[in-house]
PDB file of N, CA and C in Angstrom:
ATOM      1  N   THR A   1      12.716  -8.340   0.872  1.00  0.00           N
ATOM      2  CA  THR A   1      13.045  -9.341  -0.353  1.00  0.00           C
ATOM      3  C   THR A   1      13.895  -8.730  -1.069  1.00  0.00           C
ATOM      4  N   MET A   2      14.445  -8.379  -1.250  1.00  0.00           N
ATOM      5  CA  MET A   2      16.012  -7.545  -2.635  1.00  0.00           C
ATOM      6  C   MET A   2      15.825  -8.814  -3.168  1.00  0.00           C
ATOM      7  N   ALA A   3      16.126  -8.263  -4.311  1.00  0.00           N
ATOM      8  CA  ALA A   3      17.057  -8.649  -5.577  1.00  0.00           C
ATOM      9  C   ALA A   3      17.892  -9.522  -5.547  1.00  0.00           C
ATOM     10  N   ASN A   4      18.122 -10.692  -6.046  1.00  0.00           N
ATOM     11  CA  ASN A   4      19.663 -11.167  -5.755  1.00  0.00           C
ATOM     12  C   ASN A   4      20.464 -11.196  -6.973  1.00  0.00           C
ATOM     13  N   HIS A   5      19.860 -11.280  -7.960  1.00  0.00           N
ATOM     14  CA  HIS A   5      20.443 -11.090 -10.030  1.00  0.00           C
ATOM     15  C   HIS A   5      21.115  -9.401 -10.175  1.00  0.00           C
ATOM     16  N   LYS A   6      22.032  -9.506 -10.699  1.00  0.00           N
ATOM     17  CA  LYS A   6      22.407  -8.367 -10.840  1.00  0.00           C
ATOM     18  C   LYS A   6      21.306  -7.139 -11.487  1.00  0.00           C
ATOM     19  N   SER A   7      20.689  -8.354 -13.339  1.00  0.00           N
ATOM     20  CA  SER A   7      20.104  -7.914 -13.858  1.00  0.00           C
ATOM     21  C   SER A   7      18.253  -7.383 -13.460  1.00  0.00           C
ATOM     22  N   ALA A   8      18.080  -8.029 -12.271  1.00  0.00           N
ATOM     23  CA  ALA A   8      16.815  -7.665 -10.955  1.00  0.00           C
ATOM     24  C   ALA A   8      17.036  -6.232 -10.385  1.00  0.00           C
ATOM     25  N   LYS A   9      18.497  -6.787 -10.254  1.00  0.00           N
ATOM     26  CA  LYS A   9      18.559  -5.217  -9.143  1.00  0.00           C
ATOM     27  C   LYS A   9      18.750  -3.470  -9.900  1.00  0.00           C
ATOM     28  N   LYS A  10      19.139  -3.748 -11.566  1.00  0.00           N
ATOM     29  CA  LYS A  10      19.398  -3.353 -12.421  1.00  0.00           C
ATOM     30  C   LYS A  10      17.608  -2.895 -12.648  1.00  0.00           C
ATOM     31  N   ARG A  11      16.537  -4.016 -13.286  1.00  0.00           N
ATOM     32  CA  ARG A  11      15.365  -3.510 -12.968  1.00  0.00           C
ATOM     33  C   ARG A  11      14.579  -2.854 -12.256  1.00  0.00           C
ATOM     34  N   ILE A  12      15.141  -2.943 -10.865  1.00  0.00           N
ATOM     35  CA  ILE A  12      14.527  -1.962  -9.732  1.00  0.00           C
ATOM     36  C   ILE A  12      14.996  -0.500  -9.592  1.00  0.00           C
ATOM     37  N   LYS A  13      15.857  -0.419 -10.152  1.00  0.00           N
ATOM     38  CA  LYS A  13      16.428   1.068  -9.914  1.00  0.00           C
ATOM     39  C   LYS A  13      15.448   1.493 -11.155  1.00  0.00           C
ATOM     40  N   THR A  14      15.753   1.289 -12.606  1.00  0.00           N
ATOM     41  CA  THR A  14      14.963   1.492 -13.969  1.00  0.00           C
ATOM     42  C   THR A  14      13.486   2.112 -14.020  1.00  0.00           C
ATOM     43  N   SER A  15      13.133   1.200 -12.796  1.00  0.00           N
ATOM     44  CA  SER A  15      11.597   1.088 -12.374  1.00  0.00           C
ATOM     45  C   SER A  15      11.229   1.893 -11.813  1.00  0.00           C
ATOM     46  N   GLU A  16      12.021   2.538 -10.891  1.00  0.00           N
ATOM     47  CA  GLU A  16      11.809   3.396  -9.779  1.00  0.00           C
ATOM     48  C   GLU A  16      11.873   4.782 -10.379  1.00  0.00           C
ATOM     49  N   LYS A  17      12.852   4.844 -11.167  1.00  0.00           N
ATOM     50  CA  LYS A  17      13.376   6.192 -12.263  1.00  0.00           C
ATOM     51  C   LYS A  17      12.050   6.671 -13.212  1.00  0.00           C
ATOM     52  N   ARG A  18      11.210   5.526 -13.795  1.00  0.00           N
ATOM     53  CA  ARG A  18      10.064   5.428 -14.567  1.00  0.00           C
ATOM     54  C   ARG A  18       8.998   6.324 -13.666  1.00  0.00           C
ATOM     55  N   ARG A  19       8.705   5.329 -12.998  1.00  0.00           N
ATOM     56  CA  ARG A  19       7.819   5.501 -11.894  1.00  0.00           C
ATOM     57  C   ARG A  19       7.702   6.923 -11.344  1.00  0.00           C
ATOM     58  N   VAL A  20       8.322   7.212 -10.874  1.00  0.00           N
ATOM     59  CA  VAL A  20       8.759   8.817 -10.662  1.00  0.00           C
ATOM     60  C   VAL A  20       8.292   9.620 -11.801  1.00  0.00           C
ATOM     61  N   ILE A  21       9.181   9.451 -13.263  1.00  0.00           N
ATOM     62  CA  ILE A  21       8.741  10.276 -14.162  1.00  0.00           C
ATOM     63  C   ILE A  21       7.371  10.119 -15.049  1.00  0.00           C
ATOM     64  N   ASN A  22       6.623   8.474 -14.666  1.00  0.00           N
ATOM     65  CA  ASN A  22       5.510   8.618 -15.310  1.00  0.00           C
ATOM     66  C   ASN A  22       4.638   9.468 -14.484  1.00  0.00           C
ATOM     67  N   LYS A  23       4.864   9.743 -13.074  1.00  0.00           N
ATOM     68  CA  LYS A  23       3.835  10.403 -12.054  1.00  0.00           C
ATOM     69  C   LYS A  23       4.059  11.809 -12.145  1.00  0.00           C
ATOM     70  N   SER A  24       5.291  12.005 -12.123  1.00  0.00           N
ATOM     71  CA  SER A  24       5.343  13.403 -13.004  1.00  0.00           C
ATOM     72  C   SER A  24       4.299  14.060 -14.204  1.00  0.00           C
ATOM     73  N   GLY A  25       4.592  12.995 -15.392  1.00  0.00           N
ATOM     74  CA  GLY A  25       3.552  13.153 -16.173  1.00  0.00           C
ATOM     75  C   GLY A  25       2.718  13.323 -16.036  1.00  0.00           C
ATOM     76  N   GLU A  26       2.265  12.113 -15.571  1.00  0.00           N
ATOM     77  CA  GLU A  26       0.580  12.058 -15.282  1.00  0.00           C
ATOM     78  C   GLU A  26       0.193  13.235 -14.302  1.00  0.00           C
ATOM     79  N   SER A  27       0.398  13.849 -13.022  1.00  0.00           N
ATOM     80  CA  SER A  27       0.186  15.102 -12.631  1.00  0.00           C
ATOM     81  C   SER A  27       0.163  16.134 -13.737  1.00  0.00           C
ATOM     82  N   LYS A  28       0.848  16.445 -14.601  1.00  0.00           N
ATOM     83  CA  LYS A  28       1.104  17.457 -15.733  1.00  0.00           C
ATOM     84  C   LYS A  28       0.202  17.417 -16.032  1.00  0.00           C
ATOM     85  N   LEU A  29      -0.403  16.532 -16.832  1.00  0.00           N
ATOM     86  CA  LEU A  29      -1.639  16.501 -17.510  1.00  0.00           C
ATOM     87  C   LEU A  29      -2.690  16.609 -16.695  1.00  0.00           C
ATOM     88  N   LYS A  30      -2.670  16.048 -15.354  1.00  0.00           N
ATOM     89  CA  LYS A  30      -4.415  16.497 -14.617  1.00  0.00           C
ATOM     90  C   LYS A  30      -4.181  17.961 -14.215  1.00  0.00           C
ATOM     91  N   THR A  31      -3.352  18.689 -14.549  1.00  0.00           N
ATOM     92  CA  THR A  31      -3.030  19.928 -13.736  1.00  0.00           C
ATOM     93  C   THR A  31      -3.429  20.692 -14.494  1.00  0.00           C
ATOM     94  N   VAL A  32      -3.153  20.544 -16.265  1.00  0.00           N
ATOM     95  CA  VAL A  32      -3.375  20.801 -16.848  1.00  0.00           C
ATOM     96  C   VAL A  32      -4.973  20.963 -17.877  1.00  0.00           C
ATOM     97  N   VAL A  33      -5.574  19.690 -17.436  1.00  0.00           N
ATOM     98  CA  VAL A  33      -6.584  19.727 -18.284  1.00  0.00           C
ATOM     99  C   VAL A  33      -7.826  20.211 -17.581  1.00  0.00           C
ATOM    100  N   LYS A  34      -7.026  20.214 -15.702  1.00  0.00           N
ATOM    101  CA  LYS A  34      -8.188  21.402 -14.688  1.00  0.00           C
ATOM    102  C   LYS A  34      -7.445  22.489 -15.086  1.00  0.00           C
ATOM    103  N   LYS A  35      -6.774  22.836 -15.642  1.00  0.00           N
ATOM    104  CA  LYS A  35      -6.473  24.128 -16.232  1.00  0.00           C
ATOM    105  C   LYS A  35      -7.649  25.116 -17.091  1.00  0.00           C
ATOM    106  N   VAL A  36      -7.782  24.366 -17.667  1.00  0.00           N
ATOM    107  CA  VAL A  36      -9.240  24.090 -19.178  1.00  0.00           C
ATOM    108  C   VAL A  36     -10.480  24.297 -18.604  1.00  0.00           C
ATOM    109  N   MET A  37     -10.492  23.662 -17.794  1.00  0.00           N
ATOM    110  CA  MET A  37     -11.511  23.698 -17.281  1.00  0.00           C
ATOM    111  C   MET A  37     -12.014  25.032 -16.308  1.00  0.00           C
ATOM    112  N   ALA A  38     -11.184  24.683 -15.621  1.00  0.00           N
ATOM    113  CA  ALA A  38     -11.233  25.855 -14.653  1.00  0.00           C
ATOM    114  C   ALA A  38     -11.408  27.461 -15.537  1.00  0.00           C
ATOM    115  N   ALA A  39     -10.830  28.064 -16.674  1.00  0.00           N
ATOM    116  CA  ALA A  39     -10.782  28.918 -17.450  1.00  0.00           C
ATOM    117  C   ALA A  39     -12.375  29.428 -17.449  1.00  0.00           C
ATOM    118  N   THR A  40     -12.959  30.350 -17.494  1.00  0.00           N
ATOM    119  CA  THR A  40     -13.875  31.268 -17.413  1.00  0.00           C
ATOM    120  C   THR A  40     -13.808  32.111 -18.483  1.00  0.00           C
ATOM    121  N   GLU A  41     -13.238  32.914 -19.096  1.00  0.00           N
ATOM    122  CA  GLU A  41     -12.513  32.865 -20.505  1.00  0.00           C
ATOM    123  C   GLU A  41     -12.512  32.712 -21.908  1.00  0.00           C
ATOM    124  N   LYS A  42     -13.142  32.752 -22.779  1.00  0.00           N
ATOM    125  CA  LYS A  42     -12.836  32.451 -24.011  1.00  0.00           C
ATOM    126  C   LYS A  42     -11.186  32.230 -24.101  1.00  0.00           C
ATOM    127  N   ALA A  43     -10.247  33.458 -24.221  1.00  0.00           N
ATOM    128  CA  ALA A  43      -9.078  33.456 -24.590  1.00  0.00           C
ATOM    129  C   ALA A  43      -8.588  32.570 -23.754  1.00  0.00           C
ATOM    130  N   GLU A  44      -8.531  32.965 -22.525  1.00  0.00           N
ATOM    131  CA  GLU A  44      -8.100  31.876 -21.979  1.00  0.00           C
ATOM    132  C   GLU A  44      -7.298  30.468 -21.918  1.00  0.00           C
ATOM    133  N   ALA A  45      -9.355  30.261 -22.127  1.00  0.00           N
ATOM    134  CA  ALA A  45      -9.735  28.842 -22.031  1.00  0.00           C
ATOM    135  C   ALA A  45      -8.150  28.062 -23.451  1.00  0.00           C
ATOM    136  N   GLU A  46      -8.764  28.935 -24.773  1.00  0.00           N
ATOM    137  CA  GLU A  46      -8.153  28.538 -25.696  1.00  0.00           C
ATOM    138  C   GLU A  46      -6.880  28.448 -25.801  1.00  0.00           C
ATOM    139  N   LYS A  47      -6.014  29.303 -24.780  1.00  0.00           N
ATOM    140  CA  LYS A  47      -4.574  29.053 -24.548  1.00  0.00           C
ATOM    141  C   LYS A  47      -4.112  27.792 -24.359  1.00  0.00           C
ATOM    142  N   SER A  48      -5.393  27.852 -22.839  1.00  0.00           N
ATOM    143  CA  SER A  48      -4.967  26.623 -22.463  1.00  0.00           C
ATOM    144  C   SER A  48      -4.788  24.911 -22.966  1.00  0.00           C
ATOM    145  N   TYR A  49      -6.051  25.259 -24.245  1.00  0.00           N
ATOM    146  CA  TYR A  49      -6.404  24.211 -24.709  1.00  0.00           C
ATOM    147  C   TYR A  49      -5.085  23.694 -25.618  1.00  0.00           C
ATOM    148  N   LYS A  50      -4.855  24.784 -26.132  1.00  0.00           N
ATOM    149  CA  LYS A  50      -3.681  24.096 -27.106  1.00  0.00           C
ATOM    150  C   LYS A  50      -2.496  23.470 -26.171  1.00  0.00           C
ATOM    151  N   GLU A  51      -2.181  23.637 -24.968  1.00  0.00           N
ATOM    152  CA  GLU A  51      -1.103  23.119 -24.547  1.00  0.00           C
ATOM    153  C   GLU A  51      -1.564  22.280 -23.616  1.00  0.00           C
ATOM    154  N   ALA A  52      -3.282  21.877 -23.581  1.00  0.00           N
ATOM    155  CA  ALA A  52      -3.325  20.735 -22.980  1.00  0.00           C
ATOM    156  C   ALA A  52      -3.349  20.030 -24.224  1.00  0.00           C
ATOM    157  N   ILE A  53      -3.915  19.840 -25.116  1.00  0.00           N
ATOM    158  CA  ILE A  53      -3.562  18.996 -26.626  1.00  0.00           C
ATOM    159  C   ILE A  53      -2.644  18.558 -26.876  1.00  0.00           C
ATOM    160  N   ALA A  54      -1.345  19.482 -26.875  1.00  0.00           N
ATOM    161  CA  ALA A  54      -0.048  19.213 -27.410  1.00  0.00           C
ATOM    162  C   ALA A  54       0.154  18.418 -25.807  1.00  0.00           C
ATOM    163  N   LEU A  55       0.151  18.335 -24.842  1.00  0.00           N
ATOM    164  CA  LEU A  55       0.769  17.419 -23.472  1.00  0.00           C
ATOM    165  C   LEU A  55       0.030  16.089 -23.963  1.00  0.00           C
ATOM    166  N   LEU A  56      -1.164  16.459 -24.070  1.00  0.00           N
ATOM    167  CA  LEU A  56      -1.967  14.514 -23.892  1.00  0.00           C
ATOM    168  C   LEU A  56      -1.286  13.856 -25.210  1.00  0.00           C
ATOM    169  N   ASP A  57      -1.260  14.530 -26.479  1.00  0.00           N
ATOM    170  CA  ASP A  57      -0.025  14.119 -27.302  1.00  0.00           C
ATOM    171  C   ASP A  57       0.896  13.392 -27.069  1.00  0.00           C
ATOM    172  N   ARG A  58       1.425  14.392 -26.671  1.00  0.00           N
ATOM    173  CA  ARG A  58       2.883  14.035 -25.797  1.00  0.00           C
ATOM    174  C   ARG A  58       2.826  12.525 -25.094  1.00  0.00           C
ATOM    175  N   GLY A  59       1.793  12.504 -23.985  1.00  0.00           N
ATOM    176  CA  GLY A  59       1.756  11.724 -23.700  1.00  0.00           C
ATOM    177  C   GLY A  59       0.980  10.303 -23.899  1.00  0.00           C
ATOM    178  N   VAL A  60       0.914  10.284 -24.963  1.00  0.00           N
ATOM    179  CA  VAL A  60       0.359   8.910 -25.668  1.00  0.00           C
ATOM    180  C   VAL A  60       1.895   8.498 -26.545  1.00  0.00           C
ATOM    181  N   ASN A  61       2.587   9.427 -27.322  1.00  0.00           N
ATOM    182  CA  ASN A  61       3.536   8.788 -27.621  1.00  0.00           C
ATOM    183  C   ASN A  61       4.613   8.255 -26.393  1.00  0.00           C
ATOM    184  N   LYS A  62       4.483   9.178 -25.613  1.00  0.00           N
ATOM    185  CA  LYS A  62       5.303   8.168 -24.526  1.00  0.00           C
ATOM    186  C   LYS A  62       4.761   7.119 -23.859  1.00  0.00           C
ATOM    187  N   GLY A  63       4.186   6.589 -24.086  1.00  0.00           N
ATOM    188  CA  GLY A  63       3.154   5.354 -23.313  1.00  0.00           C
ATOM    189  C   GLY A  63       2.241   5.736 -21.424  1.00  0.00           C
ATOM    190  N   LEU A  64       2.117   7.360 -21.437  1.00  0.00           N
ATOM    191  CA  LEU A  64       1.272   7.526 -20.247  1.00  0.00           C
ATOM    192  C   LEU A  64       0.143   7.300 -20.290  1.00  0.00           C
ATOM    193  N   LEU A  65      -0.223   7.799 -21.329  1.00  0.00           N
ATOM    194  CA  LEU A  65      -1.945   7.509 -21.993  1.00  0.00           C
ATOM    195  C   LEU A  65      -1.980   6.441 -22.528  1.00  0.00           C
ATOM    196  N   HIS A  66      -3.509   5.932 -22.926  1.00  0.00           N
ATOM    197  CA  HIS A  66      -3.164   5.266 -24.464  1.00  0.00           C
ATOM    198  C   HIS A  66      -4.494   6.171 -25.301  1.00  0.00           C
ATOM    199  N   ILE A  67      -4.312   6.031 -26.600  1.00  0.00           N
ATOM    200  CA  ILE A  67      -5.109   6.799 -27.194  1.00  0.00           C
ATOM    201  C   ILE A  67      -6.023   7.014 -27.472  1.00  0.00           C
ATOM    202  N   ASN A  68      -6.949   6.342 -26.712  1.00  0.00           N
ATOM    203  CA  ASN A  68      -8.402   6.807 -26.458  1.00  0.00           C
ATOM    204  C   ASN A  68      -8.614   6.946 -25.411  1.00  0.00           C
ATOM    205  N   THR A  69      -7.861   7.327 -24.366  1.00  0.00           N
ATOM    206  CA  THR A  69      -7.740   8.070 -22.890  1.00  0.00           C
ATOM    207  C   THR A  69      -7.529   9.754 -23.696  1.00  0.00           C
ATOM    208  N   ALA A  70      -6.683   9.274 -24.676  1.00  0.00           N
ATOM    209  CA  ALA A  70      -6.608  10.877 -24.880  1.00  0.00           C
ATOM    210  C   ALA A  70      -7.568  11.310 -25.786  1.00  0.00           C
ATOM    211  N   SER A  71      -7.780  10.889 -26.583  1.00  0.00           N
ATOM    212  CA  SER A  71      -8.680  11.255 -27.268  1.00  0.00           C
ATOM    213  C   SER A  71      -9.899  11.578 -26.988  1.00  0.00           C
ATOM    214  N   ARG A  72     -10.593  10.581 -25.710  1.00  0.00           N
ATOM    215  CA  ARG A  72     -11.834  11.110 -24.525  1.00  0.00           C
ATOM    216  C   ARG A  72     -11.737  12.275 -24.308  1.00  0.00           C
ATOM    217  N   LYS A  73     -10.722  12.692 -23.653  1.00  0.00           N
ATOM    218  CA  LYS A  73     -10.102  13.743 -23.056  1.00  0.00           C
ATOM    219  C   LYS A  73      -9.647  14.692 -23.978  1.00  0.00           C
ATOM    220  N   LYS A  74      -9.261  14.669 -25.189  1.00  0.00           N
ATOM    221  CA  LYS A  74      -9.431  16.213 -26.027  1.00  0.00           C
ATOM    222  C   LYS A  74     -10.978  16.333 -26.423  1.00  0.00           C
ATOM    223  N   ALA A  75     -11.600  15.478 -26.420  1.00  0.00           N
ATOM    224  CA  ALA A  75     -13.088  15.876 -27.092  1.00  0.00           C
ATOM    225  C   ALA A  75     -14.174  16.160 -25.824  1.00  0.00           C
ATOM    226  N   ALA A  76     -13.660  16.183 -24.321  1.00  0.00           N
ATOM    227  CA  ALA A  76     -14.071  16.472 -23.737  1.00  0.00           C
ATOM    228  C   ALA A  76     -13.946  18.268 -24.175  1.00  0.00           C
ATOM    229  N   LEU A  77     -12.162  18.391 -23.792  1.00  0.00           N
ATOM    230  CA  LEU A  77     -12.140  19.773 -23.794  1.00  0.00           C
ATOM    231  C   LEU A  77     -12.813  20.496 -24.586  1.00  0.00           C
ATOM    232  N   THR A  78     -12.772  19.376 -26.033  1.00  0.00           N
ATOM    233  CA  THR A  78     -12.612  20.732 -27.229  1.00  0.00           C
ATOM    234  C   THR A  78     -14.805  20.828 -27.055  1.00  0.00           C
ATOM    235  N   LYS A  79     -15.398  19.835 -26.222  1.00  0.00           N
ATOM    236  CA  LYS A  79     -17.121  20.321 -26.364  1.00  0.00           C
ATOM    237  C   LYS A  79     -17.211  21.215 -25.205  1.00  0.00           C
ATOM    238  N   TYR A  80     -16.129  21.602 -24.177  1.00  0.00           N
ATOM    239  CA  TYR A  80     -16.071  22.336 -23.569  1.00  0.00           C
ATOM    240  C   TYR A  80     -16.068  24.067 -24.273  1.00  0.00           C
ATOM    241  N   ILE A  81     -14.759  23.828 -24.589  1.00  0.00           N
ATOM    242  CA  ILE A  81     -14.024  25.294 -25.414  1.00  0.00           C
ATOM    243  C   ILE A  81     -15.350  25.819 -26.345  1.00  0.00           C
ATOM    244  N   ASN A  82     -16.087  24.761 -26.855  1.00  0.00           N
ATOM    245  CA  ASN A  82     -17.088  25.266 -27.717  1.00  0.00           C
ATOM    246  C   ASN A  82     -18.657  24.996 -27.159  1.00  0.00           C
ATOM    247  N   SER A  83     -18.634  24.988 -26.225  1.00  0.00           N
ATOM    248  CA  SER A  83     -19.340  25.844 -24.857  1.00  0.00           C
ATOM    249  C   SER A  83     -19.524  27.660 -24.948  1.00  0.00           C
ATOM    250  N   PHE A  84     -18.227  27.440 -24.844  1.00  0.00           N
ATOM    251  CA  PHE A  84     -18.080  29.046 -24.747  1.00  0.00           C
ATOM    252  C   PHE A  84     -18.395  29.876 -26.264  1.00  0.00           C
ATOM    253  N   THR A  85     -18.845  29.153 -27.091  1.00  0.00           N
ATOM    254  CA  THR A  85     -18.805  29.348 -28.779  1.00  0.00           C
ATOM    255  C   THR A  85     -20.012  29.669 -28.901  1.00  0.00           C
ATOM    256  N   ALA A  86     -20.897  28.404 -28.236  1.00  0.00           N
ATOM    257  CA  ALA A  86     -22.252  29.220 -28.341  1.00  0.00           C
ATOM    258  C   ALA A  86     -23.052  30.063 -27.306  1.00  0.00           C
ATOM    259  N   GLU A  87     -22.237  30.227 -25.774  1.00  0.00           N
ATOM    260  CA  GLU A  87     -22.801  31.220 -25.537  1.00  0.00           C
ATOM    261  C   GLU A  87     -22.105  31.920 -25.576  1.00  0.00           C
ATOM    262  N   THR A  88     -21.470  32.588 -26.280  1.00  0.00           N
ATOM    263  CA  THR A  88     -21.382  33.851 -26.847  1.00  0.00           C
ATOM    264  C   THR A  88     -22.211  34.136 -28.241  1.00  0.00           C
ATOM    265  N   ALA A  89     -22.445  33.424 -28.916  1.00  0.00           N
ATOM    266  CA  ALA A  89     -23.486  33.521 -30.306  1.00  0.00           C
ATOM    267  C   ALA A  89     -24.641  33.420 -29.625  1.00  0.00           C
ATOM    268  N   ALA A  90     -25.475  33.287 -28.038  1.00  0.00           N
ATOM    269  CA  ALA A  90     -26.239  32.673 -27.752  1.00  0.00           C
ATOM    270  C   ALA A  90     -26.935  34.515 -27.370  1.00  0.00           C
ATOM    271  N   GLU A  91     -25.620  35.062 -26.852  1.00  0.00           N
ATOM    272  CA  GLU A  91     -25.640  36.499 -26.552  1.00  0.00           C
ATOM    273  C   GLU A  91     -26.290  37.654 -27.655  1.00  0.00           C
TER     274      GLU A  91
END
């Protein structure tokens, strides 16, 4: 079921290129979010957190994520980072 029109053939090529780029971007986002959640020390978590927030915002601008999805992920990461502060204050 290959396309017959020149424009349709071009669309297939460009769609495949975008699919690969989007998949890479989504994978990178997931990895960075997991890295923050896997952090055990506050300093390590905050460093990863800054990187994650920047990537999430960039993902929204590039159309990888819906803005509300990015906001939800950022809120969850912020809550996790703040849990370190609560733990250190309790000690």
